[in-house]
């Protein structure tokens, strides 16, 4: 069995966390990692006990939802709440961090930002990361973490069909590709 890479594993965790998001505009997940261990995680959502966007809609001021706390901030606040140092850690985020989250990430001593998708990548945020010597790397999620094992099994079965010169192999490949694209969109 082929194991998932560390970057894909942690990026998959951030995508799993984003499924808890309560903001209707953009679901984001973040996980803070030190020495290949998850130390905190967060998703964008309302203040504990507060009204959620999914219940009453987003509260937008100047083009931003002010009801939610960003995923990166929630992860950093979790570190603070439980007395876990973020210094020297890495953060995996589903989307490139906003300018405010970028500043908090730098101040917390995080040494690397791995993100899956570009999202309004602010030029000053990029500049700040470079000035601080914080690595920023795009790590697209290669497969749906929920269906990883199923996809690997299907790929293995298709390889066996190819080894036996099965005439239906191209049709099966196409169907499998369509199936896993649908699963990733859910």
Foldseek 3Di string as FASTA:
>chain_A
DDDDDLLLVQLLVFVVQLVPEQAPPDRKKKFKDDPSHTDFIFIKFADVPDDTCNRVHFDDDPRDRPRIDHGLVRRVVVCVVVVHQSAAIEMEMQEDDDQVSLVVCLVSNHQEYEYAYYDPNDPVSVVVCVVSNRHYYYDHNPANPVCVVVLVVLVVVLVVCVVVVPPCSVVSVVVSVVVRVVVVVD
